Amino acid sequence: MVSHEPESGRPPAHQPVPGNPYAQPLPQPPAQPPFPPPAGPPPAGPRRRGALIAGVGALALVLVGTGVFVLTRGDGDGDKDGSRKPVAQDSDKPARDGRESAPPRDGSDDDGGKGTGSAGQIDVNAGRKPGDAKAWLAVNDVKLPGKGGQLLDLWRVDGLVAQAEYDEVTAFKVADGTRAWRVRLPGEVCDTPVNPSPDGKVVVVYTKSEARVGGKCDQLQQIDLRTGKKGWHKQLKEHGTQDSTTATHVAISGSTVMVDQDSTAHAYRMRDGKRLFTTKHQREGACFLRGVAGGPALLQVRSCAAGSELTHGRLRKLDPRTGKTEWEYRNKKGWTLDKVFSVAPVVVALRSRAEPDKWALAAVDERGKQRSWIDLDRRKEKFEQCTGAGDSGEGVQNCVGGVVAHDTLYLASKPKKILGPNRIVAFDLGTGRAKWSVEAGGRQLLPVTVSAREGKGVIVYGRPYREETGRTLFLPSGGGKPKVLLKHTAAAQKIEVFMFAGNTLYADGRLFVTPTRLDGRSHGSAGEEGNGRMLSFGP
């Protein structure tokens, strides 16, 4: 029964090229190896802790035999679920110049108004040639601990591009990279949704704990991306073994934000933080909640019978307003459901239990039935899930290397050598068959998320390599020669290499590139290419 409340590895050394001052040997990005191994201890940081915690939680849940999906009633007064009532705060204090060091964190805001930010401290347009894109660079000015800090999802709204880094969220103006506002938080950000709400708001999860292991990601904060104003705040509570906050993720769909706490997920109203419904598990099926996905649809991913021959995944689509299940998809046994490439249409990545290096993709229709199964082993190209980055506790939607558009999956193949050339392969979601594949002049290609569809095709980032500068390309859905949209400047080449295209977004005719992590030891060295926070190219 449903109850609810109505709304009230490293790149190789490069040889210098005579006559090109920017084609000298490119330095190695120390803060993030290009293909970190899936196994081994995850780096420190709340979001990265999730891998180990989730693994232990999965085993525990298998032993107790949990699995049936139920709903409980939402709270009417905002505190029956143990969370605090919304607290409004704002961040109107004057902006800090980007060249200054960040003061110690005290949980207050010092910057939410206008400021010049840190863009342009390194001249990424030096030596710009006719036909080259216009670039801007935001240099990191966040004081990071020695372990460094993580940069999370990119959001674009109303001429701004925003992102969370360590313990703050910052917005830059799309046109020139100057900082529009900054919101500071009392602790490190654990997770962010991949998309904002339709009215430009997000809810981020952060922690007040400084513990390397076992810290709680139990603080929710709503932020208006258009203004940089803080909205409601909640503290998540733990009531048992199945609502732990050691690995918490968030997803937004419409006016609802869903937060997963181990095997429990709470849905809140974006407007005021009121709890709408909760999904739980009871004994049966040996299933546990793996994650939540948002956007045009709200999905829950579950893993069932982990570690046995019966292992499989289940994907459930929920009504974001009521929590009612619209359909449930179960993949074939022997495969785990790992990642969600798209929620509309639904495309998921799966991995073989018997052969962990073997993975495939499935397209699911609007009734929860499998449309197609994409068997990657049948292709001559090799593919790595999430381009080989592994999974260290990120959300189920955080997986680079594949983009879905116009009923087609565009997937990056595995290069034969690090930073070497690869191909983009287009798969028909209706049949599961490859339609075409293309390369681009020896470059390594990566399909890019876009804020709005750019014609019938896909935007692709061509990484810089040796003497070749980066490119922003467009591939038409029917295949054919890539069209160059933006030719990146030579002066930005070293910075691009350091960033290694950790996060990318195409919006308003511009490409945005950031690393996934920054080294805390390089703070304040604006002249160091490894300290670039966000790089953008446009017409």
Protein backbone atom coordinates (compact mmCIF):
# COMPACT_ATOMS: atom_id res chain seq x y z
CA MET A 1 0.00 0.00 0.00
CA VAL A 2 1.23 3.48 -0.78
CA SER A 3 0.67 6.36 1.61
CA HIS A 4 1.71 9.90 0.94
CA GLU A 5 0.94 13.45 1.76
CA PRO A 6 -0.39 15.86 -0.83
CA GLU A 7 1.69 18.93 -1.43
CA SER A 8 1.46 21.69 0.74
CA GLY A 9 47.74 5.24 -14.57
CA ARG A 10 49.94 8.18 -16.01
CA PRO A 11 50.18 9.70 -19.47
CA PRO A 12 53.39 8.93 -21.34
CA ALA A 13 56.18 11.43 -21.71
CA HIS A 14 55.84 13.60 -24.78
CA GLN A 15 58.56 14.73 -27.14
CA PRO A 16 59.00 18.46 -27.83
CA VAL A 17 58.07 19.70 -31.25
CA PRO A 18 60.38 22.26 -32.84
CA GLY A 19 58.80 25.68 -33.24
CA ASN A 20 55.87 25.00 -30.93
CA PRO A 21 56.50 26.38 -27.42
CA TYR A 22 53.39 24.67 -26.08
CA ALA A 23 54.30 21.22 -27.36
CA GLN A 24 57.03 20.58 -24.80
CA PRO A 25 56.90 17.43 -22.65
CA LEU A 26 53.62 17.59 -20.77
CA PRO A 27 53.78 17.12 -16.99
CA GLN A 28 51.92 14.30 -15.31
CA PRO A 29 48.76 15.02 -13.31
CA PRO A 30 49.79 14.08 -9.76
CA ALA A 31 46.38 14.37 -8.16
CA GLN A 32 44.52 11.82 -10.27
CA PRO A 33 46.00 8.93 -12.23
CA PRO A 34 44.25 8.51 -15.59
CA PHE A 35 42.96 5.02 -14.95
CA PRO A 36 42.91 4.30 -11.22
CA PRO A 37 42.61 0.57 -10.50
CA PRO A 38 39.15 -0.62 -9.47
CA ALA A 39 40.63 -2.63 -6.60
CA GLY A 40 42.57 -1.33 -3.64
CA PRO A 41 41.77 1.22 -0.96
CA PRO A 42 39.81 4.26 -2.16
CA PRO A 43 41.29 7.71 -1.58
CA ALA A 44 40.17 9.62 1.46
CA GLY A 45 37.00 11.67 1.30
CA PRO A 46 33.38 11.05 2.23
CA ARG A 47 32.15 10.22 -1.25
CA ARG A 48 35.01 7.81 -1.89
CA ARG A 49 34.45 5.95 1.35
CA GLY A 50 31.27 4.48 -0.08
CA ALA A 51 32.89 1.57 -1.93
CA LEU A 52 34.13 -0.21 1.15
CA ILE A 53 31.06 0.62 3.19
CA ALA A 54 28.69 -0.50 0.44
CA GLY A 55 30.54 -3.79 0.05
CA VAL A 56 30.33 -4.58 3.75
CA GLY A 57 26.70 -3.48 3.82
CA ALA A 58 25.87 -5.74 0.88
CA LEU A 59 27.33 -8.78 2.60
CA ALA A 60 25.51 -8.01 5.84
CA LEU A 61 22.21 -7.61 4.03
CA VAL A 62 22.64 -10.88 2.18
CA LEU A 63 23.19 -12.62 5.50
CA VAL A 64 20.04 -11.19 7.05
CA GLY A 65 18.05 -11.70 3.86
CA THR A 66 16.46 -8.33 3.15
CA GLY A 67 14.65 -7.38 0.00
CA VAL A 68 10.96 -6.45 -0.21
CA PHE A 69 10.12 -2.88 -1.13
CA VAL A 70 7.66 -0.99 1.09
CA LEU A 71 6.61 2.61 1.59
CA THR A 72 6.00 4.52 4.78
CA ARG A 73 4.12 7.72 5.29
CA GLY A 74 5.80 11.11 4.96
CA ASP A 75 6.18 13.44 7.92
CA GLY A 76 3.73 16.23 8.35
CA ASP A 77 5.75 18.48 10.61
CA GLY A 78 9.23 17.93 9.22
CA ASP A 79 10.76 16.30 12.29
CA LYS A 80 9.08 12.93 12.82
CA ASP A 81 11.78 11.29 10.73
CA GLY A 82 14.40 12.67 13.05
CA SER A 83 15.38 15.54 10.80
CA ARG A 84 15.42 19.19 11.72
CA LYS A 85 12.99 21.75 10.36
CA PRO A 86 14.19 23.88 7.43
CA VAL A 87 16.62 26.63 8.36
CA ALA A 88 17.00 29.54 5.96
CA GLN A 89 20.46 31.03 5.55
CA ASP A 90 22.00 33.25 2.96
CA SER A 91 25.40 34.09 1.61
CA ASP A 92 25.43 37.77 0.79
CA LYS A 93 28.86 38.68 2.10
CA PRO A 94 31.27 40.31 -0.33
CA ALA A 95 33.26 38.13 -2.67
CA ARG A 96 36.84 37.27 -1.88
CA ASP A 97 39.39 37.94 -4.60
CA GLY A 98 40.44 34.64 -6.15
CA ARG A 99 44.13 35.27 -5.53
CA GLU A 100 43.77 35.30 -1.78
CA SER A 101 44.12 32.23 0.37
CA ALA A 102 40.92 30.82 1.78
CA PRO A 103 40.52 31.36 5.56
CA PRO A 104 39.87 28.48 7.92
CA ARG A 105 36.46 26.87 7.63
CA ASP A 106 33.93 27.82 10.28
CA GLY A 107 30.72 26.92 8.45
CA SER A 108 29.91 30.51 7.56
CA ASP A 109 29.59 32.13 4.17
CA ASP A 110 32.00 34.85 3.18
CA ASP A 111 31.12 35.16 -0.42
CA GLY A 112 27.83 34.87 -2.20
CA GLY A 113 27.77 38.12 -3.99
CA LYS A 114 29.67 39.47 -6.85
CA GLY A 115 33.38 39.06 -7.28
CA THR A 116 36.01 38.78 -9.90
CA GLY A 117 36.73 35.21 -8.93
CA SER A 118 39.94 33.52 -9.99
CA ALA A 119 39.50 33.35 -13.72
CA GLY A 120 42.27 34.47 -16.01
CA GLN A 121 45.27 34.27 -13.68
CA ILE A 122 46.98 32.10 -16.28
CA ASP A 123 46.65 33.45 -19.81
CA VAL A 124 45.06 30.53 -21.64
CA ASN A 125 44.62 32.73 -24.72
CA ALA A 126 48.32 33.52 -25.15
CA GLY A 127 49.34 33.03 -28.76
CA ARG A 128 45.74 32.50 -29.80
CA LYS A 129 45.48 32.00 -33.56
CA PRO A 130 42.67 32.87 -35.97
CA GLY A 131 40.00 30.22 -35.67
CA ASP A 132 40.96 29.24 -32.13
CA ALA A 133 38.31 29.23 -29.43
CA LYS A 134 38.25 31.85 -26.70
CA ALA A 135 39.19 30.31 -23.38
CA TRP A 136 38.93 31.19 -19.73
CA LEU A 137 40.39 29.51 -16.67
CA ALA A 138 39.26 29.48 -13.04
CA VAL A 139 42.24 28.73 -10.80
CA ASN A 140 41.57 26.92 -7.56
CA ASP A 141 41.49 29.19 -4.51
CA VAL A 142 39.89 26.76 -2.07
CA LYS A 143 42.14 25.87 0.85
CA LEU A 144 42.35 22.08 0.68
CA PRO A 145 43.77 19.58 3.16
CA GLY A 146 46.86 17.60 2.23
CA LYS A 147 44.74 14.74 0.88
CA GLY A 148 43.22 17.17 -1.61
CA GLY A 149 39.59 17.68 -2.47
CA GLN A 150 37.07 16.26 -4.88
CA LEU A 151 35.24 18.19 -7.61
CA LEU A 152 31.77 16.87 -8.27
CA ASP A 153 28.93 17.26 -10.78
CA LEU A 154 28.70 20.29 -13.08
CA TRP A 155 25.46 22.25 -13.28
CA ARG A 156 24.44 24.97 -15.72
CA VAL A 157 21.59 27.41 -15.05
CA ASP A 158 20.81 30.96 -16.24
CA GLY A 159 24.21 31.84 -17.66
CA LEU A 160 26.09 30.26 -14.76
CA VAL A 161 28.02 27.02 -14.36
CA ALA A 162 28.31 25.71 -10.79
CA GLN A 163 30.14 22.91 -9.02
CA ALA A 164 30.95 21.69 -5.52
CA GLU A 165 34.56 21.40 -4.40
CA TYR A 166 35.56 20.17 -0.96
CA ASP A 167 33.44 22.28 1.42
CA GLU A 168 31.90 24.86 -0.85
CA VAL A 169 29.75 25.32 -3.94
CA THR A 170 30.81 27.98 -6.45
CA ALA A 171 29.18 29.43 -9.57
CA PHE A 172 31.07 31.05 -12.44
CA LYS A 173 29.67 33.18 -15.23
CA VAL A 174 29.54 31.16 -18.45
CA ALA A 175 30.66 34.09 -20.59
CA ASP A 176 33.95 34.97 -18.92
CA GLY A 177 34.54 32.71 -15.91
CA THR A 178 34.26 35.40 -13.26
CA ARG A 179 32.85 34.14 -10.00
CA ALA A 180 29.17 34.93 -9.48
CA TRP A 181 28.81 33.56 -5.95
CA ARG A 182 30.19 31.09 -3.46
CA VAL A 183 28.45 29.15 -0.69
CA ARG A 184 30.54 27.68 2.11
CA LEU A 185 29.49 24.66 4.10
CA PRO A 186 30.52 23.52 7.60
CA GLY A 187 32.11 20.35 6.25
CA GLU A 188 33.23 18.41 3.19
CA VAL A 189 30.67 17.67 0.47
CA CYS A 190 29.96 13.94 0.14
CA ASP A 191 27.67 13.83 -2.88
CA THR A 192 25.77 16.00 -5.32
CA PRO A 193 22.93 15.27 -7.77
CA VAL A 194 23.83 15.08 -11.45
CA ASN A 195 21.09 17.57 -12.32
CA PRO A 196 19.33 20.48 -10.59
CA SER A 197 15.58 20.82 -10.23
CA PRO A 198 13.65 22.57 -13.04
CA ASP A 199 13.74 25.82 -11.04
CA GLY A 200 17.51 25.70 -10.65
CA LYS A 201 17.96 24.31 -7.14
CA VAL A 202 20.11 21.46 -5.79
CA VAL A 203 20.44 19.59 -2.53
CA VAL A 204 23.95 18.55 -1.54
CA VAL A 205 25.08 16.12 1.14
CA TYR A 206 27.97 17.03 3.40
CA THR A 207 29.63 15.78 6.55
CA LYS A 208 30.78 17.50 9.71
CA SER A 209 33.00 14.55 10.57
CA GLU A 210 36.75 14.59 10.00
CA ALA A 211 37.12 10.82 10.46
CA ARG A 212 38.74 8.92 7.58
CA VAL A 213 36.52 5.88 8.18
CA GLY A 214 33.00 5.72 9.52
CA GLY A 215 32.16 9.41 9.22
CA LYS A 216 28.53 10.33 8.70
CA CYS A 217 27.35 12.08 5.52
CA ASP A 218 24.19 13.21 7.23
CA GLN A 219 23.73 16.90 6.41
CA LEU A 220 21.43 18.06 3.59
CA GLN A 221 21.58 21.61 2.28
CA GLN A 222 19.41 23.13 -0.42
CA ILE A 223 21.06 25.82 -2.59
CA ASP A 224 19.52 28.05 -5.26
CA LEU A 225 21.98 27.95 -8.17
CA ARG A 226 20.61 31.15 -9.67
CA THR A 227 21.36 33.29 -6.61
CA GLY A 228 23.72 31.32 -4.39
CA LYS A 229 21.24 31.49 -1.52
CA LYS A 230 20.95 28.70 1.01
CA GLY A 231 17.50 27.21 1.52
CA TRP A 232 16.35 24.54 3.92
CA HIS A 233 18.69 22.27 5.87
CA LYS A 234 18.15 18.83 7.35
CA GLN A 235 20.18 16.46 9.47
CA LEU A 236 19.60 12.82 8.59
CA LYS A 237 19.12 10.38 11.44
CA GLU A 238 20.03 6.71 11.76
CA HIS A 239 17.52 4.42 13.45
CA GLY A 240 19.06 1.02 12.77
CA THR A 241 21.45 -0.96 10.62
CA GLN A 242 19.65 -0.24 7.35
CA ASP A 243 19.68 3.55 7.26
CA SER A 244 23.38 4.26 7.69
CA THR A 245 24.69 7.62 6.47
CA THR A 246 28.29 6.51 5.86
CA ALA A 247 27.58 6.39 2.10
CA THR A 248 24.76 8.77 1.18
CA HIS A 249 23.72 9.77 -2.35
CA VAL A 250 21.16 12.19 -3.76
CA ALA A 251 19.10 12.37 -6.96
CA ILE A 252 16.60 14.99 -8.11
CA SER A 253 13.58 14.36 -10.31
CA GLY A 254 11.13 17.19 -10.86
CA SER A 255 10.23 18.72 -7.50
CA THR A 256 11.49 15.73 -5.50
CA VAL A 257 14.93 14.93 -4.13
CA MET A 258 15.62 11.35 -3.07
CA VAL A 259 18.35 10.49 -0.57
CA ASP A 260 19.58 6.94 -0.11
CA GLN A 261 20.76 5.82 3.31
CA ASP A 262 22.05 2.28 2.89
CA SER A 263 18.88 0.19 2.30
CA THR A 264 16.49 3.05 3.02
CA ALA A 265 15.63 5.99 0.78
CA HIS A 266 13.78 9.14 1.79
CA ALA A 267 12.07 11.48 -0.68
CA TYR A 268 11.76 15.17 0.18
CA ARG A 269 9.96 18.05 -1.47
CA MET A 270 12.48 20.38 -3.09
CA ARG A 271 10.56 23.49 -2.13
CA ASP A 272 10.66 23.14 1.65
CA GLY A 273 12.31 19.83 2.56
CA LYS A 274 9.08 18.15 3.66
CA ARG A 275 9.38 14.36 3.62
CA LEU A 276 7.04 12.87 1.02
CA PHE A 277 7.66 9.13 1.36
CA THR A 278 10.22 6.52 2.36
CA THR A 279 11.15 3.24 0.70
CA LYS A 280 12.43 0.38 2.84
CA HIS A 281 13.25 -3.29 2.55
CA GLN A 282 11.90 -6.26 4.46
CA ARG A 283 13.10 -9.86 4.63
CA GLU A 284 12.85 -11.53 1.25
CA GLY A 285 14.88 -11.66 -1.93
CA ALA A 286 18.32 -10.87 -0.46
CA CYS A 287 18.31 -7.46 -2.17
CA PHE A 288 19.88 -4.20 -1.08
CA LEU A 289 19.60 -0.67 -2.37
CA ARG A 290 22.58 0.21 -4.54
CA GLY A 291 21.67 3.76 -5.46
CA VAL A 292 19.19 6.28 -6.85
CA ALA A 293 19.08 8.05 -10.21
CA GLY A 294 17.27 11.23 -11.16
CA GLY A 295 16.48 13.55 -14.05
CA PRO A 296 13.37 13.08 -16.24
CA ALA A 297 12.61 9.92 -14.21
CA LEU A 298 13.28 8.69 -10.67
CA LEU A 299 14.91 5.25 -10.48
CA GLN A 300 16.18 2.97 -7.74
CA VAL A 301 18.90 0.39 -8.39
CA ARG A 302 19.07 -2.76 -6.27
CA SER A 303 21.48 -5.69 -6.14
CA CYS A 304 20.04 -9.07 -5.28
CA ALA A 305 21.53 -12.43 -4.18
CA ALA A 306 25.02 -10.92 -4.26
CA GLY A 307 27.86 -13.43 -4.35
CA SER A 308 25.73 -16.32 -5.58
CA GLU A 309 24.90 -17.79 -8.96
CA LEU A 310 21.47 -16.18 -8.65
CA THR A 311 22.90 -12.68 -8.44
CA HIS A 312 21.00 -10.10 -10.47
CA GLY A 313 19.92 -6.48 -10.45
CA ARG A 314 16.54 -4.83 -10.20
CA LEU A 315 15.63 -1.40 -11.47
CA ARG A 316 12.50 0.28 -10.19
CA LYS A 317 10.84 3.40 -11.58
CA LEU A 318 8.98 5.48 -9.01
CA ASP A 319 6.46 8.28 -9.23
CA PRO A 320 8.50 11.11 -7.70
CA ARG A 321 5.41 12.67 -6.14
CA THR A 322 3.91 9.61 -4.49
CA GLY A 323 6.57 6.88 -4.42
CA LYS A 324 4.29 4.50 -6.30
CA THR A 325 6.15 1.89 -8.33
CA GLU A 326 5.44 2.30 -12.04
CA TRP A 327 7.47 -0.74 -13.14
CA GLU A 328 10.36 -2.98 -12.16
CA TYR A 329 13.00 -4.41 -14.47
CA ARG A 330 15.01 -7.51 -13.56
CA ASN A 331 18.08 -8.37 -15.58
CA LYS A 332 19.17 -11.93 -16.24
CA LYS A 333 20.87 -13.93 -13.51
CA GLY A 334 24.62 -13.86 -13.23
CA TRP A 335 24.86 -10.11 -13.90
CA THR A 336 24.96 -7.17 -11.50
CA LEU A 337 23.39 -3.84 -12.37
CA ASP A 338 26.16 -1.28 -11.87
CA LYS A 339 25.46 2.07 -13.52
CA VAL A 340 22.68 4.12 -15.12
CA PHE A 341 23.77 5.84 -18.33
CA SER A 342 20.35 7.37 -18.99
CA VAL A 343 16.95 7.52 -17.27
CA ALA A 344 14.93 8.55 -20.35
CA PRO A 345 15.31 6.35 -22.29
CA VAL A 346 16.61 3.93 -19.67
CA VAL A 347 20.06 2.50 -20.41
CA VAL A 348 22.01 0.61 -17.74
CA ALA A 349 25.45 -0.98 -17.50
CA LEU A 350 25.80 -4.52 -16.15
CA ARG A 351 28.74 -6.68 -15.14
CA SER A 352 29.19 -10.46 -15.26
CA ARG A 353 29.65 -12.17 -11.90
CA ALA A 354 31.62 -15.03 -13.47
CA GLU A 355 33.88 -12.72 -15.49
CA PRO A 356 34.23 -9.36 -13.71
CA ASP A 357 36.00 -7.77 -16.69
CA LYS A 358 33.04 -8.58 -18.92
CA TRP A 359 30.25 -6.03 -19.07
CA ALA A 360 27.25 -5.21 -21.23
CA LEU A 361 24.42 -2.70 -21.56
CA ALA A 362 20.66 -3.03 -21.59
CA ALA A 363 17.99 -0.67 -22.89
CA VAL A 364 14.66 -0.76 -21.03
CA ASP A 365 11.34 0.46 -22.43
CA GLU A 366 8.63 2.57 -20.79
CA ARG A 367 6.94 -0.51 -19.34
CA GLY A 368 10.08 -1.90 -17.72
CA LYS A 369 10.71 -4.51 -20.40
CA GLN A 370 14.11 -5.06 -21.94
CA ARG A 371 14.35 -3.58 -25.41
CA SER A 372 17.83 -4.70 -26.28
CA TRP A 373 21.00 -6.23 -24.85
CA ILE A 374 24.26 -4.76 -26.09
CA ASP A 375 26.93 -7.45 -25.99
CA LEU A 376 30.22 -5.59 -26.16
CA ASP A 377 32.26 -8.78 -26.57
CA ARG A 378 31.05 -9.10 -30.15
CA ARG A 379 32.84 -5.93 -31.19
CA LYS A 380 36.43 -5.77 -32.37
CA GLU A 381 36.86 -2.66 -30.21
CA LYS A 382 37.45 -3.11 -26.49
CA PHE A 383 35.46 -1.18 -23.90
CA GLU A 384 35.96 -0.40 -20.23
CA GLN A 385 33.08 0.50 -17.97
CA CYS A 386 33.33 4.19 -17.03
CA THR A 387 36.50 4.34 -19.20
CA GLY A 388 38.32 2.22 -16.65
CA ALA A 389 37.91 4.64 -13.75
CA GLY A 390 36.44 1.94 -11.51
CA ASP A 391 33.84 2.58 -8.81
CA SER A 392 34.89 4.03 -5.48
CA GLY A 393 31.48 4.78 -4.06
CA GLU A 394 30.16 7.39 -6.50
CA GLY A 395 26.49 7.51 -7.39
CA VAL A 396 25.05 5.13 -9.97
CA GLN A 397 24.80 7.97 -12.51
CA ASN A 398 28.47 8.93 -12.25
CA CYS A 399 30.06 7.05 -15.14
CA VAL A 400 31.94 8.74 -17.97
CA GLY A 401 32.40 7.33 -21.45
CA GLY A 402 28.83 6.95 -22.64
CA VAL A 403 26.07 9.38 -23.67
CA VAL A 404 22.53 8.62 -24.83
CA ALA A 405 20.80 10.85 -27.39
CA HIS A 406 18.12 10.29 -30.04
CA ASP A 407 17.64 6.61 -29.15
CA THR A 408 21.35 5.99 -29.66
CA LEU A 409 24.12 5.15 -27.21
CA TYR A 410 27.46 6.75 -28.05
CA LEU A 411 30.22 4.80 -26.32
CA ALA A 412 33.96 5.51 -26.17
CA SER A 413 36.18 2.51 -26.93
CA LYS A 414 39.29 1.66 -24.93
CA PRO A 415 42.49 3.12 -26.39
CA LYS A 416 45.34 0.71 -26.97
CA LYS A 417 47.62 2.97 -24.93
CA ILE A 418 47.06 5.67 -22.35
CA LEU A 419 46.00 8.91 -24.02
CA GLY A 420 46.17 7.11 -27.36
CA PRO A 421 43.49 7.24 -30.05
CA ASN A 422 40.16 5.48 -29.73
CA ARG A 423 36.77 5.42 -31.44
CA ILE A 424 33.19 6.42 -30.71
CA VAL A 425 30.78 3.59 -31.44
CA ALA A 426 27.06 4.34 -31.93
CA PHE A 427 24.60 1.63 -30.83
CA ASP A 428 20.93 1.51 -31.81
CA LEU A 429 18.91 1.12 -28.59
CA GLY A 430 16.08 -0.57 -30.44
CA THR A 431 18.21 -3.43 -31.78
CA GLY A 432 21.36 -3.33 -29.66
CA ARG A 433 23.46 -3.37 -32.82
CA ALA A 434 26.26 -0.96 -33.67
CA LYS A 435 25.33 1.53 -36.38
CA TRP A 436 28.75 3.01 -37.03
CA SER A 437 32.06 3.93 -35.44
CA VAL A 438 34.40 6.82 -36.07
CA GLU A 439 37.82 8.12 -35.05
CA ALA A 440 39.23 11.63 -35.26
CA GLY A 441 42.78 12.07 -36.43
CA GLY A 442 44.52 10.01 -33.78
CA ARG A 443 42.78 11.67 -30.84
CA GLN A 444 41.25 10.11 -27.77
CA LEU A 445 37.53 10.89 -27.79
CA LEU A 446 35.04 11.22 -24.97
CA PRO A 447 31.29 11.85 -25.42
CA VAL A 448 30.16 14.85 -23.40
CA THR A 449 27.03 15.54 -21.37
CA VAL A 450 25.09 18.52 -22.73
CA SER A 451 22.65 20.83 -20.96
CA ALA A 452 20.43 20.87 -24.06
CA ARG A 453 20.57 18.75 -27.20
CA GLU A 454 22.73 20.23 -29.94
CA GLY A 455 21.23 18.97 -33.18
CA LYS A 456 20.79 15.31 -34.00
CA GLY A 457 24.06 13.86 -32.85
CA VAL A 458 26.52 14.00 -29.96
CA ILE A 459 29.13 16.44 -28.65
CA VAL A 460 32.57 14.85 -28.26
CA TYR A 461 35.66 16.08 -26.47
CA GLY A 462 38.91 15.38 -28.34
CA ARG A 463 41.67 15.32 -25.75
CA PRO A 464 44.99 17.03 -26.51
CA TYR A 465 47.84 14.69 -27.39
CA ARG A 466 51.50 15.46 -28.04
CA GLU A 467 51.61 18.50 -30.34
CA GLU A 468 47.85 18.38 -31.00
CA THR A 469 45.65 20.77 -29.02
CA GLY A 470 42.21 19.74 -27.80
CA ARG A 471 39.01 19.93 -29.84
CA THR A 472 35.28 20.10 -29.28
CA LEU A 473 33.61 18.02 -31.98
CA PHE A 474 30.12 17.21 -33.20
CA LEU A 475 29.25 13.76 -34.52
CA PRO A 476 25.98 13.53 -36.50
CA SER A 477 23.69 10.66 -35.54
CA GLY A 478 24.11 9.11 -38.99
CA GLY A 479 27.88 8.95 -38.69
CA GLY A 480 30.41 10.57 -40.96
CA LYS A 481 33.32 12.93 -40.50
CA PRO A 482 33.40 14.79 -37.16
CA LYS A 483 32.71 18.51 -37.35
CA VAL A 484 35.08 20.78 -35.41
CA LEU A 485 33.06 23.14 -33.23
CA LEU A 486 35.91 24.54 -31.15
CA LYS A 487 39.66 24.44 -31.64
CA HIS A 488 41.24 24.76 -28.22
CA THR A 489 44.13 27.12 -27.60
CA ALA A 490 47.70 25.87 -27.36
CA ALA A 491 48.26 27.87 -24.18
CA ALA A 492 45.65 25.76 -22.39
CA GLN A 493 47.09 22.41 -23.45
CA LYS A 494 49.09 21.64 -20.31
CA ILE A 495 46.13 22.55 -18.12
CA GLU A 496 43.86 20.23 -20.10
CA VAL A 497 46.29 17.37 -19.60
CA PHE A 498 46.37 17.92 -15.84
CA MET A 499 42.56 17.95 -15.69
CA PHE A 500 42.33 14.74 -17.70
CA ALA A 501 38.69 15.52 -18.57
CA GLY A 502 37.47 14.35 -15.19
CA ASN A 503 34.18 16.26 -15.52
CA THR A 504 32.88 17.70 -18.79
CA LEU A 505 29.79 19.65 -19.82
CA TYR A 506 28.72 21.37 -23.03
CA ALA A 507 26.34 24.31 -22.65
CA ASP A 508 25.65 27.63 -24.36
CA GLY A 509 28.10 26.78 -27.12
CA ARG A 510 30.93 26.29 -24.63
CA LEU A 511 32.84 23.28 -23.34
CA PHE A 512 33.62 23.09 -19.62
CA VAL A 513 36.36 20.78 -18.29
CA THR A 514 37.42 20.16 -14.70
CA PRO A 515 39.52 17.56 -12.89
CA THR A 516 37.82 15.16 -10.50
CA ARG A 517 40.28 15.90 -7.73
CA LEU A 518 42.85 18.58 -6.81
CA ASP A 519 45.98 18.21 -4.76
CA GLY A 520 45.88 20.20 -1.54
CA ARG A 521 49.61 20.83 -1.67
CA SER A 522 49.37 23.05 -4.76
CA HIS A 523 47.01 25.65 -3.23
CA GLY A 524 48.04 29.22 -3.88
CA SER A 525 50.35 28.42 -6.77
CA ALA A 526 48.33 30.11 -9.47
CA GLY A 527 51.10 29.61 -11.99
CA GLU A 528 50.96 25.85 -11.73
CA GLU A 529 48.90 24.17 -14.43
CA GLY A 530 47.88 21.47 -11.93
CA ASN A 531 45.94 24.04 -9.91
CA GLY A 532 43.38 24.80 -12.60
CA ARG A 533 39.86 24.25 -11.29
CA MET A 534 37.71 24.85 -14.37
CA LEU A 535 38.64 25.46 -18.01
CA SER A 536 36.20 26.58 -20.69
CA PHE A 537 36.32 27.11 -24.44
CA GLY A 538 33.78 28.97 -26.55
CA PRO A 539 33.27 30.93 -29.77
